[in-house]
């Protein structure tokens, strides 16, 4: 699915596996690395895949922005870098496929932001998560945006102000990841969760993901207004009609997509 300098990308049946491959730099996010990630997700989004797995090679999942890249930039340059990062995170949320983060070792700052921006996440027990800017000189403002939407206000404040890492079990308890498992079981649990999350109509799943992100964090009345209209419209699609017919006829569904 394309040749990249900083990534390994392959399609494994219905799954696209995107692996960050800068182990010597702990998969830190330079501009070049983020542009490759953006291209890989956009390409996968246009494919017939039903799921995407994001992983990291080496001793870290992702250690955040590469300070060597950041420190060389002026204000406009850093703003451009952060806008590119934001575009990457929002693309992960907007592609029609279910996206799962496969997390081992550290996921810090923008690496933690990557995990929080994925639809689902499974962490090995070796994993730890931090938004460490609070104990340094550059606060983790942008990583805090999706992290807050995963774990809530007080837990965000603790992570952001202290900069201290949390372990995989705590991340699961707080809602940053779905499961924390022994490292030896990480791949199996990722694949098992992806299989459950991608069954059914591909089109219905894609619209469902888009609608969930559209209504999250809106006032309840606005959320219902969005959800009612989409759900009513989707009732007329082939996938919905087949699902209801199969239920009523007590037979396995035959999905049209």
C-alpha atoms as a PDB file:
ATOM      1  CA  UNK A   1       0.000   0.000   0.000  1.00  0.00           C
ATOM      2  CA  UNK A   2       2.870   2.344  -0.733  1.00  0.00           C
ATOM      3  CA  UNK A   3       6.518   2.667   0.214  1.00  0.00           C
ATOM      4  CA  UNK A   4       7.369   4.807   3.230  1.00  0.00           C
ATOM      5  CA  UNK A   5      10.563   5.812   4.974  1.00  0.00           C
ATOM      6  CA  UNK A   6       9.162   5.872   8.499  1.00  0.00           C
ATOM      7  CA  UNK A   7       6.323   3.344   8.327  1.00  0.00           C
ATOM      8  CA  UNK A   8       5.630  -0.290   7.560  1.00  0.00           C
ATOM      9  CA  UNK A   9       2.203  -0.633   5.943  1.00  0.00           C
ATOM     10  CA  UNK A  10       0.547  -3.804   4.746  1.00  0.00           C
ATOM     11  CA  UNK A  11      -2.957  -5.053   4.093  1.00  0.00           C
ATOM     12  CA  UNK A  12      -3.673  -8.301   5.888  1.00  0.00           C
ATOM     13  CA  UNK A  13      -7.005  -9.474   4.505  1.00  0.00           C
ATOM     14  CA  UNK A  14      -9.595  -6.883   5.567  1.00  0.00           C
ATOM     15  CA  UNK A  15      -7.128  -5.171   7.939  1.00  0.00           C
ATOM     16  CA  UNK A  16      -4.551  -2.490   7.164  1.00  0.00           C
ATOM     17  CA  UNK A  17      -1.646  -2.570   9.628  1.00  0.00           C
ATOM     18  CA  UNK A  18       0.287   0.698   9.975  1.00  0.00           C
ATOM     19  CA  UNK A  19       3.457   0.354  12.042  1.00  0.00           C
ATOM     20  CA  UNK A  20       5.606   3.336  12.972  1.00  0.00           C
ATOM     21  CA  UNK A  21       9.176   2.316  12.182  1.00  0.00           C
ATOM     22  CA  UNK A  22      11.620   4.836  13.640  1.00  0.00           C
ATOM     23  CA  UNK A  23      12.760   2.738  16.610  1.00  0.00           C
ATOM     24  CA  UNK A  24      16.061   4.573  16.911  1.00  0.00           C
ATOM     25  CA  UNK A  25      14.065   7.779  17.635  1.00  0.00           C
ATOM     26  CA  UNK A  26      11.307   6.054  19.648  1.00  0.00           C
ATOM     27  CA  UNK A  27       8.885   6.738  16.787  1.00  0.00           C
ATOM     28  CA  UNK A  28       8.836  10.454  17.537  1.00  0.00           C
ATOM     29  CA  UNK A  29       6.690  12.534  15.216  1.00  0.00           C
ATOM     30  CA  UNK A  30       8.697  14.685  12.837  1.00  0.00           C
ATOM     31  CA  UNK A  31       6.905  16.510  10.058  1.00  0.00           C
ATOM     32  CA  UNK A  32       7.999  13.841   7.584  1.00  0.00           C
ATOM     33  CA  UNK A  33       6.755  11.051   9.847  1.00  0.00           C
ATOM     34  CA  UNK A  34       3.368  12.709  10.341  1.00  0.00           C
ATOM     35  CA  UNK A  35       2.963  13.334   6.626  1.00  0.00           C
ATOM     36  CA  UNK A  36       3.567   9.651   6.000  1.00  0.00           C
ATOM     37  CA  UNK A  37       1.054   8.685   8.701  1.00  0.00           C
ATOM     38  CA  UNK A  38      -1.480  11.064   7.204  1.00  0.00           C
ATOM     39  CA  UNK A  39      -0.981   9.590   3.733  1.00  0.00           C
ATOM     40  CA  UNK A  40      -1.192   6.027   5.069  1.00  0.00           C
ATOM     41  CA  UNK A  41      -4.469   6.695   6.891  1.00  0.00           C
ATOM     42  CA  UNK A  42      -5.974   8.550   3.937  1.00  0.00           C
ATOM     43  CA  UNK A  43      -4.970   5.713   1.601  1.00  0.00           C
ATOM     44  CA  UNK A  44      -6.343   3.084   3.969  1.00  0.00           C
ATOM     45  CA  UNK A  45      -9.517   5.125   4.318  1.00  0.00           C
ATOM     46  CA  UNK A  46     -10.102   4.870   0.569  1.00  0.00           C
ATOM     47  CA  UNK A  47      -9.472   1.124   0.539  1.00  0.00           C
ATOM     48  CA  UNK A  48     -11.874  -1.781   0.994  1.00  0.00           C
ATOM     49  CA  UNK A  49     -10.411  -2.567   4.416  1.00  0.00           C
ATOM     50  CA  UNK A  50     -12.749  -2.822   7.391  1.00  0.00           C
ATOM     51  CA  UNK A  51     -10.182  -2.127  10.121  1.00  0.00           C
ATOM     52  CA  UNK A  52      -6.863  -0.376  10.729  1.00  0.00           C
ATOM     53  CA  UNK A  53      -4.302  -1.277  13.394  1.00  0.00           C
ATOM     54  CA  UNK A  54      -1.752   1.363  14.443  1.00  0.00           C
ATOM     55  CA  UNK A  55       1.386   0.037  16.123  1.00  0.00           C
ATOM     56  CA  UNK A  56       4.994   1.007  16.824  1.00  0.00           C
ATOM     57  CA  UNK A  57       8.249  -0.861  16.256  1.00  0.00           C
ATOM     58  CA  UNK A  58      11.021  -0.989  18.831  1.00  0.00           C
ATOM     59  CA  UNK A  59      11.191   0.084  22.474  1.00  0.00           C
ATOM     60  CA  UNK A  60       8.379   2.662  22.274  1.00  0.00           C
ATOM     61  CA  UNK A  61       4.943   3.004  20.739  1.00  0.00           C
ATOM     62  CA  UNK A  62       5.518   6.737  20.229  1.00  0.00           C
ATOM     63  CA  UNK A  63       7.398   9.263  22.353  1.00  0.00           C
ATOM     64  CA  UNK A  64       5.587  12.323  20.977  1.00  0.00           C
ATOM     65  CA  UNK A  65       6.938  15.196  18.925  1.00  0.00           C
ATOM     66  CA  UNK A  66      10.599  15.128  17.947  1.00  0.00           C
ATOM     67  CA  UNK A  67      12.111  18.075  19.816  1.00  0.00           C
ATOM     68  CA  UNK A  68      14.925  18.320  17.280  1.00  0.00           C
ATOM     69  CA  UNK A  69      12.275  19.148  14.691  1.00  0.00           C
ATOM     70  CA  UNK A  70      10.337  21.494  16.995  1.00  0.00           C
ATOM     71  CA  UNK A  71      13.295  23.442  18.388  1.00  0.00           C
ATOM     72  CA  UNK A  72      14.494  24.435  14.918  1.00  0.00           C
ATOM     73  CA  UNK A  73      11.196  26.186  14.091  1.00  0.00           C
ATOM     74  CA  UNK A  74       9.903  29.698  14.666  1.00  0.00           C
ATOM     75  CA  UNK A  75       6.346  30.421  15.828  1.00  0.00           C
ATOM     76  CA  UNK A  76       4.817  29.992  12.366  1.00  0.00           C
ATOM     77  CA  UNK A  77       6.743  26.770  11.832  1.00  0.00           C
ATOM     78  CA  UNK A  78       5.605  25.235  15.134  1.00  0.00           C
ATOM     79  CA  UNK A  79       2.025  26.307  14.420  1.00  0.00           C
ATOM     80  CA  UNK A  80       2.212  24.554  11.032  1.00  0.00           C
ATOM     81  CA  UNK A  81       3.574  21.414  12.701  1.00  0.00           C
ATOM     82  CA  UNK A  82       0.779  21.339  15.273  1.00  0.00           C
ATOM     83  CA  UNK A  83      -1.854  21.951  12.614  1.00  0.00           C
ATOM     84  CA  UNK A  84      -0.464  18.997  10.659  1.00  0.00           C
ATOM     85  CA  UNK A  85      -0.627  16.894  13.817  1.00  0.00           C
ATOM     86  CA  UNK A  86      -4.229  17.964  14.382  1.00  0.00           C
ATOM     87  CA  UNK A  87      -5.106  17.050  10.810  1.00  0.00           C
ATOM     88  CA  UNK A  88      -3.589  13.594  11.362  1.00  0.00           C
ATOM     89  CA  UNK A  89      -5.566  13.033  14.570  1.00  0.00           C
ATOM     90  CA  UNK A  90      -8.829  14.136  12.998  1.00  0.00           C
ATOM     91  CA  UNK A  91      -8.192  11.965   9.944  1.00  0.00           C
ATOM     92  CA  UNK A  92      -7.880   8.934  12.230  1.00  0.00           C
ATOM     93  CA  UNK A  93     -11.316   9.821  13.577  1.00  0.00           C
ATOM     94  CA  UNK A  94     -12.807  10.478  10.135  1.00  0.00           C
ATOM     95  CA  UNK A  95     -11.717   7.423   8.125  1.00  0.00           C
ATOM     96  CA  UNK A  96     -14.611   4.966   7.741  1.00  0.00           C
ATOM     97  CA  UNK A  97     -12.695   2.033   9.219  1.00  0.00           C
ATOM     98  CA  UNK A  98     -12.476   1.080  12.875  1.00  0.00           C
ATOM     99  CA  UNK A  99      -8.990   2.125  14.083  1.00  0.00           C
ATOM    100  CA  UNK A 100      -7.310   0.259  16.958  1.00  0.00           C
ATOM    101  CA  UNK A 101      -4.081   1.317  18.655  1.00  0.00           C
ATOM    102  CA  UNK A 102      -1.817  -1.607  19.565  1.00  0.00           C
ATOM    103  CA  UNK A 103       0.240  -0.112  22.379  1.00  0.00           C
ATOM    104  CA  UNK A 104       3.410  -1.439  23.927  1.00  0.00           C
ATOM    105  CA  UNK A 105       6.002   0.425  26.024  1.00  0.00           C
ATOM    106  CA  UNK A 106       5.674   4.209  26.214  1.00  0.00           C
ATOM    107  CA  UNK A 107       3.051   6.435  24.612  1.00  0.00           C
ATOM    108  CA  UNK A 108       3.851   9.973  25.690  1.00  0.00           C
ATOM    109  CA  UNK A 109       2.708  13.482  24.702  1.00  0.00           C
ATOM    110  CA  UNK A 110       1.617  13.307  21.039  1.00  0.00           C
ATOM    111  CA  UNK A 111       2.050   9.533  21.276  1.00  0.00           C
ATOM    112  CA  UNK A 112      -0.606   9.484  23.995  1.00  0.00           C
ATOM    113  CA  UNK A 113      -2.633  11.796  21.740  1.00  0.00           C
ATOM    114  CA  UNK A 114      -2.427   9.165  18.986  1.00  0.00           C
ATOM    115  CA  UNK A 115      -3.813   6.501  21.319  1.00  0.00           C
ATOM    116  CA  UNK A 116      -6.631   8.775  22.490  1.00  0.00           C
ATOM    117  CA  UNK A 117      -7.515   9.634  18.880  1.00  0.00           C
ATOM    118  CA  UNK A 118      -7.939   5.998  17.836  1.00  0.00           C
ATOM    119  CA  UNK A 119     -11.428   4.529  18.129  1.00  0.00           C
ATOM    120  CA  UNK A 120     -10.221   1.657  20.302  1.00  0.00           C
ATOM    121  CA  UNK A 121      -6.966   0.709  22.023  1.00  0.00           C
ATOM    122  CA  UNK A 122      -5.390  -2.369  23.564  1.00  0.00           C
ATOM    123  CA  UNK A 123      -2.271  -2.016  25.720  1.00  0.00           C
ATOM    124  CA  UNK A 124       0.306  -4.545  26.747  1.00  0.00           C
ATOM    125  CA  UNK A 125       1.261  -4.549  30.411  1.00  0.00           C
ATOM    126  CA  UNK A 126       4.594  -2.985  29.423  1.00  0.00           C
ATOM    127  CA  UNK A 127       2.778   0.154  28.257  1.00  0.00           C
ATOM    128  CA  UNK A 128       2.720   3.480  30.048  1.00  0.00           C
ATOM    129  CA  UNK A 129       1.030   6.729  29.126  1.00  0.00           C
ATOM    130  CA  UNK A 130       1.906  10.333  29.907  1.00  0.00           C
ATOM    131  CA  UNK A 131       1.355  13.905  28.815  1.00  0.00           C
ATOM    132  CA  UNK A 132       4.555  15.124  30.477  1.00  0.00           C
ATOM    133  CA  UNK A 133       4.650  18.777  29.432  1.00  0.00           C
ATOM    134  CA  UNK A 134       3.297  19.807  32.832  1.00  0.00           C
ATOM    135  CA  UNK A 135       6.603  18.989  34.488  1.00  0.00           C
ATOM    136  CA  UNK A 136       8.649  20.674  31.778  1.00  0.00           C
ATOM    137  CA  UNK A 137       8.672  23.891  29.820  1.00  0.00           C
ATOM    138  CA  UNK A 138       6.177  23.094  27.050  1.00  0.00           C
ATOM    139  CA  UNK A 139       2.704  22.149  28.302  1.00  0.00           C
ATOM    140  CA  UNK A 140       0.867  19.361  26.430  1.00  0.00           C
ATOM    141  CA  UNK A 141      -2.004  21.541  25.221  1.00  0.00           C
ATOM    142  CA  UNK A 142      -2.894  19.644  22.035  1.00  0.00           C
ATOM    143  CA  UNK A 143      -2.431  16.099  23.405  1.00  0.00           C
ATOM    144  CA  UNK A 144      -4.829  17.063  26.205  1.00  0.00           C
ATOM    145  CA  UNK A 145      -7.686  17.603  23.730  1.00  0.00           C
ATOM    146  CA  UNK A 146      -8.451  13.944  22.891  1.00  0.00           C
ATOM    147  CA  UNK A 147      -7.118  12.642  26.216  1.00  0.00           C
ATOM    148  CA  UNK A 148      -9.721  14.769  28.032  1.00  0.00           C
ATOM    149  CA  UNK A 149     -12.450  13.253  25.899  1.00  0.00           C
ATOM    150  CA  UNK A 150     -11.323   9.785  26.925  1.00  0.00           C
ATOM    151  CA  UNK A 151     -10.706  10.074  30.663  1.00  0.00           C
ATOM    152  CA  UNK A 152     -12.612  13.087  32.015  1.00  0.00           C
ATOM    153  CA  UNK A 153     -11.611  16.344  33.660  1.00  0.00           C
ATOM    154  CA  UNK A 154     -10.046  15.443  37.021  1.00  0.00           C
ATOM    155  CA  UNK A 155      -7.939  12.612  35.619  1.00  0.00           C
ATOM    156  CA  UNK A 156      -6.838  14.824  32.743  1.00  0.00           C
ATOM    157  CA  UNK A 157      -5.800  17.518  35.218  1.00  0.00           C
ATOM    158  CA  UNK A 158      -3.713  15.010  37.153  1.00  0.00           C
ATOM    159  CA  UNK A 159      -1.957  13.748  34.023  1.00  0.00           C
ATOM    160  CA  UNK A 160      -1.459  17.240  32.593  1.00  0.00           C
ATOM    161  CA  UNK A 161      -0.259  19.011  35.748  1.00  0.00           C
ATOM    162  CA  UNK A 162       1.965  16.281  37.171  1.00  0.00           C
ATOM    163  CA  UNK A 163       3.245  14.874  33.891  1.00  0.00           C
ATOM    164  CA  UNK A 164       3.509  11.515  35.659  1.00  0.00           C
ATOM    165  CA  UNK A 165       2.940   8.332  33.660  1.00  0.00           C
ATOM    166  CA  UNK A 166       0.100   5.914  34.301  1.00  0.00           C
ATOM    167  CA  UNK A 167       0.451   2.198  33.713  1.00  0.00           C
ATOM    168  CA  UNK A 168      -1.627   0.073  31.366  1.00  0.00           C
ATOM    169  CA  UNK A 169      -4.030  -1.147  34.048  1.00  0.00           C
ATOM    170  CA  UNK A 170      -4.736   2.404  35.179  1.00  0.00           C
ATOM    171  CA  UNK A 171      -5.185   3.503  31.565  1.00  0.00           C
ATOM    172  CA  UNK A 172      -7.822   0.800  31.153  1.00  0.00           C
ATOM    173  CA  UNK A 173      -9.572   1.770  34.405  1.00  0.00           C
ATOM    174  CA  UNK A 174      -9.611   5.426  33.338  1.00  0.00           C
ATOM    175  CA  UNK A 175     -10.884   4.713  29.817  1.00  0.00           C
ATOM    176  CA  UNK A 176      -7.813   5.670  27.814  1.00  0.00           C
ATOM    177  CA  UNK A 177      -7.572   2.101  26.487  1.00  0.00           C
ATOM    178  CA  UNK A 178     -10.134  -0.680  26.274  1.00  0.00           C
ATOM    179  CA  UNK A 179      -7.980  -3.485  27.653  1.00  0.00           C
ATOM    180  CA  UNK A 180      -4.637  -4.028  29.356  1.00  0.00           C
ATOM    181  CA  UNK A 181      -3.269  -7.512  28.670  1.00  0.00           C
ATOM    182  CA  UNK A 182      -0.003  -9.427  29.046  1.00  0.00           C
ATOM    183  CA  UNK A 183       2.356  -8.457  26.232  1.00  0.00           C
ATOM    184  CA  UNK A 184       2.317 -12.022  24.919  1.00  0.00           C
ATOM    185  CA  UNK A 185      -1.446 -11.705  24.361  1.00  0.00           C
ATOM    186  CA  UNK A 186      -1.395  -8.244  22.794  1.00  0.00           C
ATOM    187  CA  UNK A 187      -1.666  -9.220  19.136  1.00  0.00           C
ATOM    188  CA  UNK A 188      -4.339 -11.828  19.785  1.00  0.00           C
ATOM    189  CA  UNK A 189      -6.464  -9.411  21.809  1.00  0.00           C
ATOM    190  CA  UNK A 190      -6.112  -6.669  19.176  1.00  0.00           C
ATOM    191  CA  UNK A 191      -7.255  -9.063  16.452  1.00  0.00           C
ATOM    192  CA  UNK A 192     -10.097 -10.413  18.582  1.00  0.00           C
ATOM    193  CA  UNK A 193     -11.409  -6.927  19.370  1.00  0.00           C
ATOM    194  CA  UNK A 194     -11.065  -5.835  15.755  1.00  0.00           C
ATOM    195  CA  UNK A 195     -13.017  -8.869  14.568  1.00  0.00           C
ATOM    196  CA  UNK A 196     -15.865  -8.034  16.940  1.00  0.00           C
ATOM    197  CA  UNK A 197     -15.793  -4.333  16.089  1.00  0.00           C
ATOM    198  CA  UNK A 198     -15.861  -4.793  12.306  1.00  0.00           C
ATOM    199  CA  UNK A 199     -18.621  -7.377  11.903  1.00  0.00           C
ATOM    200  CA  UNK A 200     -21.796  -6.310  10.149  1.00  0.00           C
ATOM    201  CA  UNK A 201     -22.432  -3.814   7.363  1.00  0.00           C
ATOM    202  CA  UNK A 202     -19.331  -1.785   6.394  1.00  0.00           C
ATOM    203  CA  UNK A 203     -21.428   1.190   5.297  1.00  0.00           C
ATOM    204  CA  UNK A 204     -23.499   1.199   8.487  1.00  0.00           C
ATOM    205  CA  UNK A 205     -20.318   1.002  10.565  1.00  0.00           C
ATOM    206  CA  UNK A 206     -18.741   3.918   8.689  1.00  0.00           C
ATOM    207  CA  UNK A 207     -21.789   6.148   9.166  1.00  0.00           C
ATOM    208  CA  UNK A 208     -22.041   4.999  12.781  1.00  0.00           C
ATOM    209  CA  UNK A 209     -18.465   6.067  13.484  1.00  0.00           C
ATOM    210  CA  UNK A 210     -18.982   9.440  11.799  1.00  0.00           C
ATOM    211  CA  UNK A 211     -22.172  10.060  13.774  1.00  0.00           C
ATOM    212  CA  UNK A 212     -20.672   9.055  17.112  1.00  0.00           C
ATOM    213  CA  UNK A 213     -17.905  11.622  16.710  1.00  0.00           C
ATOM    214  CA  UNK A 214     -20.426  14.242  15.530  1.00  0.00           C
ATOM    215  CA  UNK A 215     -22.627  13.897  18.613  1.00  0.00           C
ATOM    216  CA  UNK A 216     -20.019  13.322  21.330  1.00  0.00           C
ATOM    217  CA  UNK A 217     -19.530  16.283  23.667  1.00  0.00           C
ATOM    218  CA  UNK A 218     -22.572  18.132  22.292  1.00  0.00           C
ATOM    219  CA  UNK A 219     -25.520  19.081  24.499  1.00  0.00           C
ATOM    220  CA  UNK A 220     -27.976  16.194  24.779  1.00  0.00           C
ATOM    221  CA  UNK A 221     -30.672  17.874  22.676  1.00  0.00           C
ATOM    222  CA  UNK A 222     -28.219  18.542  19.836  1.00  0.00           C
ATOM    223  CA  UNK A 223     -26.850  15.011  20.072  1.00  0.00           C
ATOM    224  CA  UNK A 224     -30.333  13.534  19.795  1.00  0.00           C
ATOM    225  CA  UNK A 225     -31.176  15.789  16.830  1.00  0.00           C
ATOM    226  CA  UNK A 226     -28.151  14.436  14.958  1.00  0.00           C
ATOM    227  CA  UNK A 227     -28.677  10.815  16.012  1.00  0.00           C
ATOM    228  CA  UNK A 228     -32.414  10.719  15.207  1.00  0.00           C
ATOM    229  CA  UNK A 229     -31.990  12.020  11.676  1.00  0.00           C
ATOM    230  CA  UNK A 230     -29.064   9.738  10.844  1.00  0.00           C
ATOM    231  CA  UNK A 231     -30.706   6.668  12.385  1.00  0.00           C
ATOM    232  CA  UNK A 232     -33.966   7.318  10.532  1.00  0.00           C
ATOM    233  CA  UNK A 233     -32.133   7.767   7.226  1.00  0.00           C
ATOM    234  CA  UNK A 234     -30.012   4.663   7.751  1.00  0.00           C
ATOM    235  CA  UNK A 235     -33.107   2.532   8.321  1.00  0.00           C
ATOM    236  CA  UNK A 236     -33.672   2.689   4.568  1.00  0.00           C
ATOM    237  CA  UNK A 237     -30.246   1.362   3.559  1.00  0.00           C
ATOM    238  CA  UNK A 238     -29.734  -2.151   2.183  1.00  0.00           C
ATOM    239  CA  UNK A 239     -27.662  -3.177   5.194  1.00  0.00           C
ATOM    240  CA  UNK A 240     -30.322  -2.131   7.683  1.00  0.00           C
ATOM    241  CA  UNK A 241     -33.091  -3.796   5.699  1.00  0.00           C
ATOM    242  CA  UNK A 242     -31.076  -7.022   5.459  1.00  0.00           C
ATOM    243  CA  UNK A 243     -30.262  -6.982   9.169  1.00  0.00           C
ATOM    244  CA  UNK A 244     -33.905  -6.566  10.144  1.00  0.00           C
ATOM    245  CA  UNK A 245     -35.098  -9.146   7.607  1.00  0.00           C
ATOM    246  CA  UNK A 246     -32.557 -11.696   8.844  1.00  0.00           C
ATOM    247  CA  UNK A 247     -33.652 -11.126  12.452  1.00  0.00           C
ATOM    248  CA  UNK A 248     -37.344 -11.468  11.606  1.00  0.00           C
ATOM    249  CA  UNK A 249     -36.737 -14.523   9.412  1.00  0.00           C
ATOM    250  CA  UNK A 250     -34.428 -16.119  12.031  1.00  0.00           C
ATOM    251  CA  UNK A 251     -31.516 -16.590   9.583  1.00  0.00           C
ATOM    252  CA  UNK A 252     -27.925 -15.379   9.342  1.00  0.00           C
ATOM    253  CA  UNK A 253     -27.656 -12.011   7.554  1.00  0.00           C
ATOM    254  CA  UNK A 254     -26.042 -11.714   4.138  1.00  0.00           C
ATOM    255  CA  UNK A 255     -24.496  -8.247   4.138  1.00  0.00           C
ATOM    256  CA  UNK A 256     -24.609  -6.352   0.841  1.00  0.00           C
ATOM    257  CA  UNK A 257     -21.325  -4.488   1.513  1.00  0.00           C
END
